[in-house]
C-alpha atoms as a PDB file:
ATOM      1  CA  MET A   1      79.684-122.135 -87.289  1.00  0.00           C
ATOM      2  CA  GLN A   2      82.715-120.129 -86.483  1.00  0.00           C
ATOM      3  CA  PRO A   3      86.261-121.443 -86.214  1.00  0.00           C
ATOM      4  CA  ASN A   4      87.736-120.711 -82.797  1.00  0.00           C
ATOM      5  CA  GLN A   5      91.316-121.893 -83.543  1.00  0.00           C
ATOM      6  CA  SER A   6      93.657-122.116 -86.441  1.00  0.00           C
ATOM      7  CA  GLN A   7      92.926-123.977 -89.673  1.00  0.00           C
ATOM      8  CA  ASP A   8      95.369-126.520 -91.028  1.00  0.00           C
ATOM      9  CA  GLN A   9      95.406-128.115 -94.481  1.00  0.00           C
ATOM     10  CA  SER A  10      93.623-131.435 -94.556  1.00  0.00           C
ATOM     11  CA  PRO A  11      94.633-134.418 -96.619  1.00  0.00           C
ATOM     12  CA  HIS A  12      91.284-134.128 -98.440  1.00  0.00           C
ATOM     13  CA  LYS A  13      91.192-131.705-101.317  1.00  0.00           C
ATOM     14  CA  ASN A  14      89.606-128.327-100.518  1.00  0.00           C
ATOM     15  CA  SER A  15      88.978-129.130 -96.860  1.00  0.00           C
ATOM     16  CA  HIS A  16      90.663-127.873 -93.669  1.00  0.00           C
ATOM     17  CA  PHE A  17      91.155-129.207 -90.135  1.00  0.00           C
ATOM     18  CA  VAL A  18      89.482-126.907 -87.606  1.00  0.00           C
ATOM     19  CA  HIS A  19      88.026-126.639 -84.082  1.00  0.00           C
ATOM     20  CA  LEU A  20      84.424-125.311 -84.142  1.00  0.00           C
ATOM     21  CA  ARG A  21      81.752-124.480 -81.536  1.00  0.00           C
ATOM     22  CA  LEU A  22      78.431-125.338 -83.190  1.00  0.00           C
ATOM     23  CA  ALA A  23      75.186-123.438 -82.697  1.00  0.00           C
ATOM     24  CA  ASN A  24      73.876-126.306 -80.441  1.00  0.00           C
ATOM     25  CA  GLY A  25      76.836-125.902 -78.125  1.00  0.00           C
ATOM     26  CA  ALA A  26      78.675-129.046 -79.348  1.00  0.00           C
ATOM     27  CA  ASP A  27      82.460-128.904 -80.096  1.00  0.00           C
ATOM     28  CA  TYR A  28      83.677-130.222 -83.427  1.00  0.00           C
ATOM     29  CA  GLU A  29      87.266-131.032 -84.236  1.00  0.00           C
ATOM     30  CA  GLY A  30      88.084-132.251 -87.713  1.00  0.00           C
ATOM     31  CA  GLU A  31      87.813-131.550 -91.379  1.00  0.00           C
ATOM     32  CA  VAL A  32      85.434-129.016 -92.865  1.00  0.00           C
ATOM     33  CA  TYR A  33      84.375-128.004 -96.347  1.00  0.00           C
ATOM     34  CA  GLU A  34      82.486-124.792 -96.989  1.00  0.00           C
ATOM     35  CA  GLY A  35      82.047-124.221 -93.294  1.00  0.00           C
ATOM     36  CA  LYS A  36      80.485-127.631 -92.529  1.00  0.00           C
ATOM     37  CA  PRO A  37      81.996-130.793 -91.036  1.00  0.00           C
ATOM     38  CA  GLN A  38      83.098-133.016 -93.921  1.00  0.00           C
ATOM     39  CA  GLY A  39      85.593-135.876 -93.820  1.00  0.00           C
ATOM     40  CA  ARG A  40      86.937-137.285 -90.549  1.00  0.00           C
ATOM     41  CA  GLY A  41      86.082-135.620 -87.226  1.00  0.00           C
ATOM     42  CA  LYS A  42      84.954-135.711 -83.618  1.00  0.00           C
ATOM     43  CA  LEU A  43      81.819-134.176 -82.210  1.00  0.00           C
ATOM     44  CA  LYS A  44      81.425-133.640 -78.456  1.00  0.00           C
ATOM     45  CA  TYR A  45      78.043-132.695 -77.053  1.00  0.00           C
ATOM     46  CA  SER A  46      77.483-130.822 -73.795  1.00  0.00           C
ATOM     47  CA  ASN A  47      75.782-133.903 -72.251  1.00  0.00           C
ATOM     48  CA  SER A  48      79.145-135.831 -72.620  1.00  0.00           C
ATOM     49  CA  GLU A  49      77.941-137.912 -75.604  1.00  0.00           C
ATOM     50  CA  ARG A  50      80.301-137.983 -78.579  1.00  0.00           C
ATOM     51  CA  TYR A  51      80.621-139.101 -82.174  1.00  0.00           C
ATOM     52  CA  GLU A  52      83.871-140.011 -83.916  1.00  0.00           C
ATOM     53  CA  GLY A  53      83.825-140.777 -87.611  1.00  0.00           C
ATOM     54  CA  ASP A  54      82.851-139.598 -91.006  1.00  0.00           C
ATOM     55  CA  PHE A  55      80.848-136.456 -91.883  1.00  0.00           C
ATOM     56  CA  PHE A  56      79.318-135.263 -95.130  1.00  0.00           C
ATOM     57  CA  GLN A  57      77.684-131.805 -95.514  1.00  0.00           C
ATOM     58  CA  GLY A  58      77.590-131.359 -91.754  1.00  0.00           C
ATOM     59  CA  MET A  59      75.953-134.683 -91.015  1.00  0.00           C
ATOM     60  CA  LYS A  60      77.119-137.976 -89.517  1.00  0.00           C
ATOM     61  CA  HIS A  61      77.526-139.999 -92.722  1.00  0.00           C
ATOM     62  CA  GLY A  62      79.715-142.996 -93.415  1.00  0.00           C
ATOM     63  CA  LYS A  63      81.418-145.045 -90.702  1.00  0.00           C
ATOM     64  CA  GLY A  64      81.465-143.893 -87.089  1.00  0.00           C
ATOM     65  CA  LYS A  65      81.213-144.504 -83.346  1.00  0.00           C
ATOM     66  CA  TYR A  66      78.615-142.878 -81.094  1.00  0.00           C
ATOM     67  CA  TYR A  67      79.257-142.958 -77.359  1.00  0.00           C
ATOM     68  CA  TYR A  68      76.125-142.438 -75.240  1.00  0.00           C
ATOM     69  CA  MET A  69      76.143-140.913 -71.764  1.00  0.00           C
ATOM     70  CA  LYS A  70      74.596-144.099 -70.289  1.00  0.00           C
ATOM     71  CA  GLY A  71      77.768-146.032 -71.277  1.00  0.00           C
ATOM     72  CA  GLU A  72      76.230-147.465 -74.474  1.00  0.00           C
ATOM     73  CA  LEU A  73      77.986-147.488 -77.807  1.00  0.00           C
ATOM     74  CA  TYR A  74      77.095-147.750 -81.432  1.00  0.00           C
ATOM     75  CA  ILE A  75      79.724-148.681 -84.050  1.00  0.00           C
ATOM     76  CA  GLY A  76      78.695-148.801 -87.670  1.00  0.00           C
ATOM     77  CA  ASP A  77      77.190-147.113 -90.696  1.00  0.00           C
ATOM     78  CA  TRP A  78      75.544-143.734 -90.703  1.00  0.00           C
ATOM     79  CA  PHE A  79      73.367-142.078 -93.375  1.00  0.00           C
ATOM     80  CA  GLN A  80      72.274-138.407 -92.999  1.00  0.00           C
ATOM     81  CA  ASN A  81      72.692-138.348 -89.221  1.00  0.00           C
ATOM     82  CA  LYS A  82      70.966-141.656 -88.643  1.00  0.00           C
ATOM     83  CA  LYS A  83      72.182-145.154 -87.865  1.00  0.00           C
ATOM     84  CA  HIS A  84      71.618-146.891 -91.199  1.00  0.00           C
ATOM     85  CA  GLY A  85      73.289-150.003 -92.592  1.00  0.00           C
ATOM     86  CA  ASN A  86      75.323-152.532 -90.622  1.00  0.00           C
ATOM     87  CA  GLY A  87      76.432-151.899 -87.062  1.00  0.00           C
ATOM     88  CA  GLN A  88      76.773-153.052 -83.491  1.00  0.00           C
ATOM     89  CA  TYR A  89      75.033-151.586 -80.491  1.00  0.00           C
ATOM     90  CA  PHE A  90      76.628-152.309 -77.158  1.00  0.00           C
ATOM     91  CA  TYR A  91      74.152-151.878 -74.249  1.00  0.00           C
ATOM     92  CA  SER A  92      75.225-150.880 -70.751  1.00  0.00           C
ATOM     93  CA  ASN A  93      74.000-154.258 -69.406  1.00  0.00           C
ATOM     94  CA  GLY A  94      76.497-156.170 -71.614  1.00  0.00           C
ATOM     95  CA  THR A  95      74.064-157.132 -74.388  1.00  0.00           C
ATOM     96  CA  ILE A  96      75.288-156.645 -77.913  1.00  0.00           C
ATOM     97  CA  TYR A  97      73.088-156.294 -81.026  1.00  0.00           C
ATOM     98  CA  THR A  98      74.919-156.965 -84.304  1.00  0.00           C
ATOM     99  CA  GLY A  99      72.986-156.432 -87.487  1.00  0.00           C
ATOM    100  CA  GLU A 100      71.143-154.038 -89.715  1.00  0.00           C
ATOM    101  CA  PHE A 101      69.752-150.615 -88.903  1.00  0.00           C
ATOM    102  CA  ALA A 102      67.462-148.392 -90.899  1.00  0.00           C
ATOM    103  CA  ASP A 103      66.316-144.895 -89.998  1.00  0.00           C
ATOM    104  CA  ASN A 104      67.979-145.075 -86.541  1.00  0.00           C
ATOM    105  CA  LYS A 105      66.230-148.335 -85.633  1.00  0.00           C
ATOM    106  CA  LYS A 106      67.233-152.026 -85.559  1.00  0.00           C
ATOM    107  CA  GLN A 107      65.669-153.435 -88.681  1.00  0.00           C
ATOM    108  CA  GLY A 108      66.327-156.428 -90.928  1.00  0.00           C
ATOM    109  CA  HIS A 109      68.752-159.243 -90.017  1.00  0.00           C
ATOM    110  CA  GLY A 110      70.544-159.171 -86.693  1.00  0.00           C
ATOM    111  CA  ARG A 111      71.397-161.131 -83.575  1.00  0.00           C
ATOM    112  CA  ILE A 112      71.597-160.382 -79.894  1.00  0.00           C
ATOM    113  CA  GLU A 113      74.357-161.784 -77.759  1.00  0.00           C
END
């Protein structure tokens, strides 16, 4: 990863706010630590999908929102780049799943509205 704009001090100790172009072509704007996204940030993919939320050691990790190109949306917990924990998935047809996720899949207790 190479910064393509200026670095500013972040509110998190030892991290900076930067704009990066990642090896996969995605654009990242947010906090970094040791050259990897860490803290709060936004990741925009070339297919128009995007993630806004927490990062840890370069991975989606913590709370975040993922906007899919089909108009669907996931809001919830992330663990090592996967939907994991509690969240809501909003389908393009208006259906909403609220519940638990594990390893990127609906799993455990949940409900569909």
